[in-house]
Protein backbone atom coordinates (compact mmCIF):
# COMPACT_ATOMS: atom_id res chain seq x y z
CA UNK A 1 28.96 -42.79 -0.41
CA UNK A 2 26.17 -44.80 -2.00
CA UNK A 3 22.80 -44.18 -0.38
CA UNK A 4 20.84 -47.21 0.81
CA UNK A 5 17.42 -47.81 -0.71
CA UNK A 6 14.33 -49.43 0.74
CA UNK A 7 15.13 -52.55 -1.26
CA UNK A 8 18.59 -52.91 0.33
CA UNK A 9 19.40 -55.43 3.07
CA UNK A 10 21.53 -55.27 6.20
CA UNK A 11 22.91 -58.23 8.15
CA UNK A 12 21.72 -58.27 11.79
CA UNK A 13 22.30 -61.33 13.98
CA UNK A 14 23.15 -63.32 10.87
CA UNK A 15 19.78 -62.36 9.42
CA UNK A 16 19.22 -60.26 6.34
CA UNK A 17 16.89 -57.42 7.30
CA UNK A 18 15.16 -55.40 4.60
CA UNK A 19 16.01 -51.68 4.93
CA UNK A 20 12.47 -50.65 3.95
CA UNK A 21 10.97 -52.66 6.81
CA UNK A 22 13.67 -51.39 9.16
CA UNK A 23 12.83 -47.79 8.31
CA UNK A 24 9.10 -48.37 8.87
CA UNK A 25 9.93 -49.36 12.43
CA UNK A 26 12.37 -46.47 13.01
CA UNK A 27 9.96 -43.64 12.01
CA UNK A 28 8.12 -44.11 15.31
CA UNK A 29 11.28 -43.84 17.42
CA UNK A 30 10.88 -40.92 19.90
CA UNK A 31 13.28 -38.00 19.48
CA UNK A 32 14.84 -38.32 22.94
CA UNK A 33 15.49 -42.06 22.41
CA UNK A 34 17.06 -41.31 19.03
CA UNK A 35 19.25 -38.55 20.55
CA UNK A 36 20.39 -40.81 23.40
CA UNK A 37 21.30 -43.60 20.98
CA UNK A 38 23.56 -41.48 18.77
CA UNK A 39 25.13 -39.76 21.79
CA UNK A 40 25.85 -43.17 23.29
CA UNK A 41 27.63 -44.46 20.19
CA UNK A 42 29.39 -41.08 19.82
CA UNK A 43 28.21 -40.33 16.28
CA UNK A 44 27.49 -36.76 15.07
CA UNK A 45 25.63 -36.16 11.81
CA UNK A 46 26.45 -33.54 9.12
CA UNK A 47 23.65 -30.97 8.84
CA UNK A 48 23.60 -31.33 5.07
CA UNK A 49 22.22 -34.84 5.57
CA UNK A 50 18.97 -33.59 7.14
CA UNK A 51 18.76 -30.79 4.55
CA UNK A 52 19.02 -33.39 1.79
CA UNK A 53 16.21 -35.46 3.33
CA UNK A 54 13.99 -32.38 3.62
CA UNK A 55 14.61 -31.28 0.04
CA UNK A 56 13.94 -34.77 -1.32
CA UNK A 57 10.42 -34.58 0.12
CA UNK A 58 9.77 -30.86 -0.40
CA UNK A 59 11.02 -30.36 -3.97
CA UNK A 60 8.08 -32.09 -5.74
CA UNK A 61 5.58 -30.26 -3.53
CA UNK A 62 7.14 -26.82 -3.92
CA UNK A 63 7.21 -27.32 -7.71
CA UNK A 64 3.50 -28.19 -7.67
CA UNK A 65 1.89 -24.78 -8.25
CA UNK A 66 -1.62 -25.93 -7.40
CA UNK A 67 -0.57 -27.44 -4.07
CA UNK A 68 1.45 -24.33 -3.17
CA UNK A 69 -1.47 -21.99 -3.89
CA UNK A 70 -3.95 -24.15 -1.96
CA UNK A 71 -1.72 -24.71 1.08
CA UNK A 72 0.38 -21.58 1.61
CA UNK A 73 -0.38 -17.94 2.31
CA UNK A 74 0.67 -15.20 -0.09
CA UNK A 75 3.51 -14.23 2.25
CA UNK A 76 4.96 -17.75 2.34
CA UNK A 77 4.55 -18.07 -1.44
CA UNK A 78 6.58 -14.88 -1.83
CA UNK A 79 9.35 -16.24 0.40
CA UNK A 80 9.52 -19.39 -1.74
CA UNK A 81 11.34 -17.21 -4.27
CA UNK A 82 14.48 -17.97 -2.22
CA UNK A 83 13.60 -21.63 -1.55
CA UNK A 84 16.65 -22.90 -3.45
CA UNK A 85 18.84 -21.29 -0.77
CA UNK A 86 16.73 -22.00 2.32
CA UNK A 87 18.56 -22.82 5.52
CA UNK A 88 17.84 -25.98 7.48
CA UNK A 89 15.48 -24.22 9.92
CA UNK A 90 13.52 -22.65 7.07
CA UNK A 91 13.06 -26.07 5.45
CA UNK A 92 12.02 -27.66 8.74
CA UNK A 93 9.44 -24.92 9.31
CA UNK A 94 8.13 -25.06 5.72
CA UNK A 95 7.19 -28.75 5.62
CA UNK A 96 4.29 -28.69 8.14
CA UNK A 97 2.73 -25.66 6.43
CA UNK A 98 1.45 -28.04 3.73
CA UNK A 99 -0.61 -29.76 6.45
CA UNK A 100 0.03 -33.21 5.04
CA UNK A 101 0.85 -36.10 7.39
CA UNK A 102 2.12 -38.21 4.49
CA UNK A 103 4.82 -35.60 3.80
CA UNK A 104 5.95 -35.80 7.42
CA UNK A 105 6.10 -39.60 7.25
CA UNK A 106 8.05 -39.40 3.99
CA UNK A 107 10.50 -36.98 5.58
CA UNK A 108 11.10 -39.29 8.57
CA UNK A 109 11.64 -42.24 6.23
CA UNK A 110 14.12 -40.24 4.11
CA UNK A 111 15.91 -39.03 7.22
CA UNK A 112 16.38 -42.57 8.52
CA UNK A 113 17.58 -43.77 5.12
CA UNK A 114 20.22 -41.03 5.24
CA UNK A 115 21.13 -41.91 8.83
CA UNK A 116 21.44 -45.65 8.14
CA UNK A 117 23.54 -44.91 5.06
CA UNK A 118 25.82 -42.68 7.15
CA UNK A 119 26.07 -45.34 9.87
CA UNK A 120 27.20 -47.91 7.29
CA UNK A 121 29.75 -45.48 5.85
CA UNK A 122 31.12 -44.83 9.36
CA UNK A 123 31.26 -48.57 10.03
CA UNK A 124 29.01 -48.55 13.10
CA UNK A 125 29.41 -51.87 14.90
CA UNK A 126 26.96 -54.72 14.46
CA UNK A 127 26.11 -54.64 18.17
CA UNK A 128 25.09 -50.96 17.94
CA UNK A 129 23.01 -51.70 14.84
CA UNK A 130 21.30 -54.55 16.69
CA UNK A 131 20.58 -52.17 19.58
CA UNK A 132 18.95 -49.68 17.21
CA UNK A 133 16.86 -52.49 15.70
CA UNK A 134 15.70 -53.58 19.14
CA UNK A 135 14.75 -49.99 20.00
CA UNK A 136 12.71 -49.82 16.80
CA UNK A 137 10.89 -53.03 17.77
CA UNK A 138 10.24 -51.66 21.24
CA UNK A 139 8.65 -48.41 20.03
CA UNK A 140 6.97 -49.95 16.97
CA UNK A 141 3.49 -48.91 18.09
CA UNK A 142 4.45 -45.63 19.71
CA UNK A 143 1.86 -42.93 18.81
CA UNK A 144 3.12 -40.28 16.43
CA UNK A 145 4.90 -37.41 18.14
CA UNK A 146 4.95 -33.68 17.61
CA UNK A 147 6.86 -32.77 14.44
CA UNK A 148 8.23 -29.44 15.67
CA UNK A 149 9.23 -30.89 19.03
CA UNK A 150 10.93 -33.85 17.33
CA UNK A 151 13.13 -31.65 15.15
CA UNK A 152 14.02 -29.32 18.00
CA UNK A 153 15.03 -32.25 20.21
CA UNK A 154 17.39 -33.81 17.64
CA UNK A 155 19.03 -30.48 16.68
CA UNK A 156 22.16 -31.23 18.78
CA UNK A 157 22.85 -34.31 16.61
CA UNK A 158 23.82 -32.24 13.58
CA UNK A 159 26.85 -30.09 12.91
CA UNK A 160 27.70 -27.51 10.23
CA UNK A 161 30.59 -27.52 7.81
CA UNK A 162 33.37 -25.01 8.59
CA UNK A 163 32.33 -21.35 8.18
CA UNK A 164 28.69 -22.32 7.77
CA UNK A 165 25.66 -21.71 9.96
CA UNK A 166 22.33 -23.52 9.62
CA UNK A 167 23.65 -25.13 6.44
CA UNK A 168 24.57 -21.84 4.71
CA UNK A 169 27.74 -19.86 4.27
CA UNK A 170 27.71 -16.45 5.95
CA UNK A 171 27.56 -14.76 2.53
CA UNK A 172 24.25 -16.53 1.85
CA UNK A 173 22.98 -16.57 5.42
CA UNK A 174 22.70 -12.75 5.54
CA UNK A 175 20.65 -12.06 2.39
CA UNK A 176 18.56 -15.27 2.42
CA UNK A 177 17.28 -14.74 5.96
CA UNK A 178 16.83 -11.00 5.38
CA UNK A 179 14.72 -11.63 2.26
CA UNK A 180 12.77 -14.77 3.15
CA UNK A 181 12.58 -15.16 6.92
CA UNK A 182 10.68 -13.48 9.76
CA UNK A 183 12.30 -11.90 12.81
CA UNK A 184 10.68 -14.61 14.96
CA UNK A 185 12.24 -17.36 12.85
CA UNK A 186 15.63 -15.63 12.86
CA UNK A 187 15.53 -15.35 16.66
CA UNK A 188 14.71 -19.08 16.82
CA UNK A 189 17.79 -19.79 14.70
CA UNK A 190 19.81 -17.75 17.19
CA UNK A 191 18.52 -19.86 20.09
CA UNK A 192 19.28 -23.01 18.09
CA UNK A 193 22.93 -21.92 18.08
CA UNK A 194 22.95 -20.81 21.71
CA UNK A 195 22.59 -17.09 20.94
CA UNK A 196 19.78 -15.27 22.76
CA UNK A 197 19.19 -12.12 20.76
CA UNK A 198 18.15 -9.19 22.99
CA UNK A 199 14.86 -7.49 22.25
CA UNK A 200 16.43 -4.05 22.58
CA UNK A 201 19.91 -2.61 22.53
CA UNK A 202 21.36 -1.09 25.65
CA UNK A 203 21.35 2.64 26.32
CA UNK A 204 25.10 2.95 25.89
CA UNK A 205 24.95 1.23 22.51
CA UNK A 206 22.29 3.74 21.41
CA UNK A 207 24.49 6.60 22.62
CA UNK A 208 27.47 5.24 20.71
CA UNK A 209 25.43 4.93 17.49
CA UNK A 210 24.23 8.54 17.72
CA UNK A 211 27.68 9.89 18.52
CA UNK A 212 29.30 7.97 15.70
CA UNK A 213 26.77 9.28 13.19
CA UNK A 214 27.32 12.89 14.29
CA UNK A 215 31.06 12.32 14.29
CA UNK A 216 30.90 11.09 10.69
CA UNK A 217 29.07 14.28 9.78
CA UNK A 218 31.73 16.29 11.62
CA UNK A 219 29.17 18.11 13.74
CA UNK A 220 29.83 16.45 17.12
CA UNK A 221 31.15 19.10 19.54
CA UNK A 222 32.30 18.46 23.16
CA UNK A 223 29.24 20.32 24.41
CA UNK A 224 26.88 18.19 22.26
CA UNK A 225 28.63 15.00 23.37
CA UNK A 226 28.16 15.92 27.04
CA UNK A 227 24.49 16.69 26.37
CA UNK A 228 23.95 13.26 24.75
CA UNK A 229 25.57 11.44 27.66
CA UNK A 230 23.09 12.99 30.12
CA UNK A 231 19.97 11.94 28.18
CA UNK A 232 17.87 8.95 29.21
CA UNK A 233 16.58 6.38 26.67
CA UNK A 234 13.34 8.09 25.57
CA UNK A 235 14.93 11.56 25.10
CA UNK A 236 17.77 9.83 23.24
CA UNK A 237 15.31 8.38 20.75
CA UNK A 238 13.72 11.80 20.28
CA UNK A 239 17.17 13.34 19.82
CA UNK A 240 17.97 10.77 17.11
CA UNK A 241 14.73 11.59 15.26
CA UNK A 242 15.32 15.36 15.50
CA UNK A 243 18.85 14.99 14.09
CA UNK A 244 17.87 12.47 11.38
CA UNK A 245 19.95 9.69 12.94
CA UNK A 246 18.73 6.16 12.21
CA UNK A 247 18.97 4.72 15.68
CA UNK A 248 16.44 2.86 17.79
CA UNK A 249 16.46 0.65 20.83
CA UNK A 250 14.44 -1.90 18.81
CA UNK A 251 16.65 -4.22 16.76
CA UNK A 252 16.03 -4.34 13.02
CA UNK A 253 16.09 -7.60 11.08
CA UNK A 254 19.62 -7.10 9.75
CA UNK A 255 20.84 -6.21 13.26
CA UNK A 256 19.40 -9.47 14.61
CA UNK A 257 21.19 -11.42 11.85
CA UNK A 258 24.47 -9.66 12.59
CA UNK A 259 24.11 -10.33 16.30
CA UNK A 260 23.74 -14.08 15.62
CA UNK A 261 26.71 -14.25 13.25
CA UNK A 262 28.84 -12.26 15.68
CA UNK A 263 28.05 -14.50 18.67
CA UNK A 264 27.47 -18.02 17.31
CA UNK A 265 30.48 -20.28 17.89
CA UNK A 266 30.25 -21.51 14.28
CA UNK A 267 30.89 -18.03 12.82
CA UNK A 268 32.18 -15.61 15.48
CA UNK A 269 35.82 -16.48 14.87
CA UNK A 270 35.72 -15.14 11.31
CA UNK A 271 33.11 -12.45 11.88
CA UNK A 272 33.43 -9.12 10.07
CA UNK A 273 31.20 -6.08 9.93
CA UNK A 274 29.63 -5.70 6.46
CA UNK A 275 31.23 -2.88 4.49
CA UNK A 276 27.96 -1.81 2.85
CA UNK A 277 24.25 -2.54 3.47
CA UNK A 278 23.85 -3.85 -0.10
CA UNK A 279 25.08 -7.22 1.13
CA UNK A 280 21.52 -7.93 2.29
CA UNK A 281 20.25 -7.39 -1.27
CA UNK A 282 22.94 -9.51 -2.90
CA UNK A 283 20.76 -12.54 -3.57
CA UNK A 284 17.95 -12.56 -6.11
CA UNK A 285 14.62 -14.34 -5.98
CA UNK A 286 14.52 -17.36 -8.26
CA UNK A 287 11.11 -16.15 -9.47
CA UNK A 288 12.63 -12.84 -10.58
CA UNK A 289 15.41 -14.62 -12.46
CA UNK A 290 12.88 -16.90 -14.20
CA UNK A 291 10.86 -13.88 -15.30
CA UNK A 292 13.99 -12.27 -16.74
CA UNK A 293 14.86 -15.45 -18.62
CA UNK A 294 11.36 -15.64 -20.07
CA UNK A 295 11.51 -12.01 -21.16
CA UNK A 296 14.97 -12.22 -22.69
CA UNK A 297 14.54 -15.53 -24.51
CA UNK A 298 11.68 -14.54 -26.87
CA UNK A 299 13.61 -11.46 -28.03
CA UNK A 300 16.28 -13.67 -29.59
CA UNK A 301 13.62 -15.88 -31.21
CA UNK A 302 11.72 -12.93 -32.64
CA UNK A 303 14.82 -11.48 -34.25
CA UNK A 304 15.36 -14.76 -36.03
CA UNK A 305 11.76 -15.44 -37.06
CA UNK A 306 10.16 -12.08 -37.91
CA UNK A 307 10.00 -11.31 -41.64
CA UNK A 308 9.21 -8.12 -43.54
CA UNK A 309 5.58 -6.96 -43.41
CA UNK A 310 4.84 -7.63 -47.10
CA UNK A 311 5.73 -11.31 -46.63
CA UNK A 312 3.03 -11.68 -43.98
CA UNK A 313 0.16 -10.52 -46.24
CA UNK A 314 -0.68 -14.01 -47.65
CA UNK A 315 -0.93 -15.34 -44.11
CA UNK A 316 -3.08 -12.39 -43.17
CA UNK A 317 -5.41 -13.08 -46.09
CA UNK A 318 -5.81 -16.72 -45.16
CA UNK A 319 -6.66 -15.78 -41.57
CA UNK A 320 -9.23 -13.23 -42.76
CA UNK A 321 -10.83 -15.50 -45.34
CA UNK A 322 -14.41 -16.69 -45.76
CA UNK A 323 -14.84 -17.73 -42.14
CA UNK A 324 -14.00 -14.26 -40.90
CA UNK A 325 -16.34 -12.65 -43.44
CA UNK A 326 -19.17 -14.97 -42.52
CA UNK A 327 -18.70 -14.28 -38.82
CA UNK A 328 -18.75 -10.55 -39.45
CA UNK A 329 -21.94 -10.80 -41.49
CA UNK A 330 -23.63 -12.76 -38.74
CA UNK A 331 -22.64 -10.21 -36.10
CA UNK A 332 -23.59 -7.29 -38.36
CA UNK A 333 -26.98 -8.78 -39.13
CA UNK A 334 -27.71 -9.48 -35.48
CA UNK A 335 -26.89 -5.89 -34.50
CA UNK A 336 -29.08 -4.50 -37.26
CA UNK A 337 -31.92 -6.83 -36.32
CA UNK A 338 -31.82 -5.67 -32.71
CA UNK A 339 -31.71 -2.01 -33.72
CA UNK A 340 -34.70 -2.37 -36.05
CA UNK A 341 -36.69 -4.09 -33.33
CA UNK A 342 -35.95 -1.21 -30.97
CA UNK A 343 -37.05 1.36 -33.58
CA UNK A 344 -40.28 -0.55 -34.28
CA UNK A 345 -40.99 -0.71 -30.57
CA UNK A 346 -40.42 3.04 -30.32
CA UNK A 347 -42.85 3.72 -33.14
CA UNK A 348 -45.53 1.72 -31.39
CA UNK A 349 -45.07 3.77 -28.24
CA UNK A 350 -45.21 7.20 -29.87
CA UNK A 351 -47.57 9.41 -27.88
CA UNK A 352 -49.79 12.26 -29.03
CA UNK A 353 -47.13 14.94 -28.67
CA UNK A 354 -44.77 13.08 -30.99
CA UNK A 355 -47.38 13.10 -33.73
CA UNK A 356 -48.12 16.79 -33.22
CA UNK A 357 -44.42 17.58 -33.73
CA UNK A 358 -44.07 15.53 -36.89
CA UNK A 359 -47.40 16.15 -38.64
CA UNK A 360 -48.52 19.56 -39.91
CA UNK A 361 -52.21 19.91 -39.15
CA UNK A 362 -54.50 22.29 -41.10
CA UNK A 363 -57.95 23.00 -39.72
CA UNK A 364 -59.70 20.37 -37.71
CA UNK A 365 -58.43 16.86 -38.32
CA UNK A 366 -58.81 13.49 -36.62
CA UNK A 367 -55.64 11.50 -36.18
CA UNK A 368 -55.76 7.89 -35.06
CA UNK A 369 -53.28 6.83 -32.36
CA UNK A 370 -51.67 4.09 -34.41
CA UNK A 371 -54.16 1.51 -35.64
CA UNK A 372 -57.67 1.98 -36.99
CA UNK A 373 -60.51 0.02 -35.53
CA UNK A 374 -63.88 0.47 -37.39
CA UNK A 375 -67.23 -0.89 -36.47
CA UNK A 376 -70.28 -1.66 -38.63
CA UNK A 377 -72.87 1.03 -38.04
CA UNK A 378 -75.62 -1.54 -38.47
CA UNK A 379 -74.51 -3.09 -35.18
CA UNK A 380 -74.45 0.11 -33.17
CA UNK A 381 -76.57 3.24 -33.04
CA UNK A 382 -73.87 5.59 -31.88
CA UNK A 383 -70.43 6.49 -33.15
CA UNK A 384 -67.71 4.92 -31.06
CA UNK A 385 -65.67 8.14 -31.43
CA UNK A 386 -67.00 9.57 -28.22
CA UNK A 387 -65.84 13.19 -28.60
CA UNK A 388 -67.60 16.54 -28.75
CA UNK A 389 -67.03 17.02 -32.47
CA UNK A 390 -68.60 15.58 -35.54
CA UNK A 391 -67.01 12.41 -36.78
CA UNK A 392 -67.41 11.35 -40.37
CA UNK A 393 -65.34 8.21 -40.09
CA UNK A 394 -68.32 5.93 -40.43
CA UNK A 395 -70.48 7.83 -42.90
CA UNK A 396 -71.70 5.74 -45.81
CA UNK A 397 -68.58 3.57 -46.05
CA UNK A 398 -66.33 1.27 -44.15
CA UNK A 399 -62.62 1.99 -43.50
CA UNK A 400 -60.17 -0.61 -44.78
CA UNK A 401 -56.92 1.08 -43.78
CA UNK A 402 -55.02 -2.14 -43.94
CA UNK A 403 -56.66 -3.47 -47.05
CA UNK A 404 -55.32 -3.61 -50.59
CA UNK A 405 -57.30 -0.64 -51.96
CA UNK A 406 -57.30 3.14 -51.63
CA UNK A 407 -59.95 4.93 -49.60
CA UNK A 408 -61.06 8.50 -49.12
CA UNK A 409 -60.92 9.79 -45.57
CA UNK A 410 -61.28 13.25 -44.19
CA UNK A 411 -58.16 12.60 -42.10
CA UNK A 412 -54.59 11.70 -42.87
CA UNK A 413 -52.94 8.30 -42.22
CA UNK A 414 -49.38 9.04 -41.22
CA UNK A 415 -48.33 5.96 -39.30
CA UNK A 416 -47.40 3.81 -42.30
CA UNK A 417 -45.48 6.70 -43.84
CA UNK A 418 -43.40 7.08 -40.69
CA UNK A 419 -42.41 3.42 -40.70
CA UNK A 420 -41.53 3.53 -44.39
CA UNK A 421 -39.47 6.71 -43.93
CA UNK A 422 -37.45 5.15 -41.12
CA UNK A 423 -36.82 2.02 -43.14
CA UNK A 424 -35.73 4.11 -46.12
CA UNK A 425 -33.22 5.92 -43.86
CA UNK A 426 -31.82 2.60 -42.71
CA UNK A 427 -31.22 1.46 -46.29
CA UNK A 428 -29.20 4.55 -47.08
CA UNK A 429 -26.80 4.13 -44.16
CA UNK A 430 -23.28 2.79 -44.69
CA UNK A 431 -22.57 -0.81 -43.58
CA UNK A 432 -21.12 -1.27 -40.10
CA UNK A 433 -17.44 -2.19 -39.89
CA UNK A 434 -16.71 -4.28 -36.82
CA UNK A 435 -13.29 -4.29 -35.12
CA UNK A 436 -11.07 -6.36 -35.32
CA UNK A 437 -12.40 -7.67 -38.66
CA UNK A 438 -10.91 -6.05 -41.75
CA UNK A 439 -13.75 -7.07 -44.11
CA UNK A 440 -17.45 -6.20 -44.24
CA UNK A 441 -20.53 -6.96 -46.33
CA UNK A 442 -20.82 -5.33 -49.75
CA UNK A 443 -23.35 -2.57 -50.43
CA UNK A 444 -25.46 -5.00 -52.46
CA UNK A 445 -25.45 -7.57 -49.65
CA UNK A 446 -26.31 -4.87 -47.14
CA UNK A 447 -29.35 -3.68 -49.19
CA UNK A 448 -30.51 -7.27 -49.48
CA UNK A 449 -30.29 -7.68 -45.70
CA UNK A 450 -32.36 -4.50 -45.21
CA UNK A 451 -35.02 -5.71 -47.66
CA UNK A 452 -35.35 -8.90 -45.65
CA UNK A 453 -35.78 -6.82 -42.52
CA UNK A 454 -38.54 -4.73 -44.20
CA UNK A 455 -40.39 -7.89 -45.12
CA UNK A 456 -40.16 -9.09 -41.51
CA UNK A 457 -41.57 -5.79 -40.27
CA UNK A 458 -44.45 -5.83 -42.78
CA UNK A 459 -45.33 -9.34 -41.71
CA UNK A 460 -45.45 -8.18 -38.11
CA UNK A 461 -47.67 -5.27 -39.14
CA UNK A 462 -50.16 -7.63 -40.76
CA UNK A 463 -50.26 -9.74 -37.64
CA UNK A 464 -50.83 -6.65 -35.50
CA UNK A 465 -53.75 -5.56 -37.73
CA UNK A 466 -55.60 -8.74 -36.84
CA UNK A 467 -55.50 -8.09 -33.10
CA UNK A 468 -58.72 -7.66 -31.14
CA UNK A 469 -59.99 -4.02 -31.10
CA UNK A 470 -59.15 -1.73 -28.24
CA UNK A 471 -60.54 1.74 -27.43
CA UNK A 472 -59.36 4.38 -29.92
CA UNK A 473 -58.12 7.79 -28.79
CA UNK A 474 -58.13 10.91 -30.91
CA UNK A 475 -56.39 14.26 -30.89
CA UNK A 476 -58.29 17.47 -31.59
CA UNK A 477 -56.32 20.33 -33.02
CA UNK A 478 -57.59 23.83 -33.07
């Protein structure tokens, strides 16, 4: 059967009517009017036809990862793992979750294309086709109706193939609904097929389940059987728990599914009790199968492509060439620069106790905090070293600690020595090797980098020596 397209034409009242324009009129036809029309002409529709219309619209959307993530909850996304085997009801319920009116309109258009194609294949009379066209004209401007209500109303139009229910064989119906449907949805499917699933099982059914379990264990005595028969529902449930019997008045998901299959007219004739519970696990998520394919496929490729280790060394060398070395040097230099800055900052902040620990003092000495600030005695009558001891700093000469000549002081200048000692220690350290690089700077390059750093520090020292004077503090040692 060749499906009509929107560019096809149909002859109505000796006029060629474009199918696309016909469909645009039919999408507004109310569900009850549509149901009455097909009942009147006595035409039933295969369920697979509506399933095909739904999948035509849903497939591109479901395969659009971004749209799925934005529109659906994590739970619904998980259930999409079994989308390829969804029943008709599951497909009907999935479409509005994307909250897209255009999808609904596309579905109605696809459904009517399928219906018109089926009508042509079944040779529906011209008078009936004219009647449908007139109905479409009549309800052309009918406001859009409720999607869920529409589908529920037209459910009686469709029929299943033999030994199928909701578009699935029983072998698929069990595991697909168990894995990817809710109990509410499964109960709705039951009502769709005229089966009202009870909320709870009857007391006698609970009694029979408990007895059968104990009988299978060969521990059911006549006395115990009489005791069970006398129990009411709540004590029966407690009895089942105490004897480790899985029995409850509340129906489990698989029990609801079995109840539907057992009582629906489409499947009850060939119903059988499952031999093992594994039947509900017999269908795999398409996502799981894709993951397995992705995991298995590269193994075959790797076996064909991988070569011995020694053959990879030239490639390794090219990857770790000059660019890698340069990058490592840049990173290494930056780390060293930061560390030196931190050490210089620490030296500036050394307090009096730090100097007492590092410098051996003999007799009475005057130690400057870090920088020397000297004043011309001609400009002041008193020594700026305002302490209770004699200060000889300014006697008969000026201090040029930061000048280019030697001077004789009665005190030691230790601050420059400390900086030089720390820098000397840095030069003796081994170069840093950074993971994941396999190369590093040479010892010669490393020394050159350190010399540059020393020059930078000395320049900073000269700048600091030109700062405006601040009060000088001294330490007296006994």
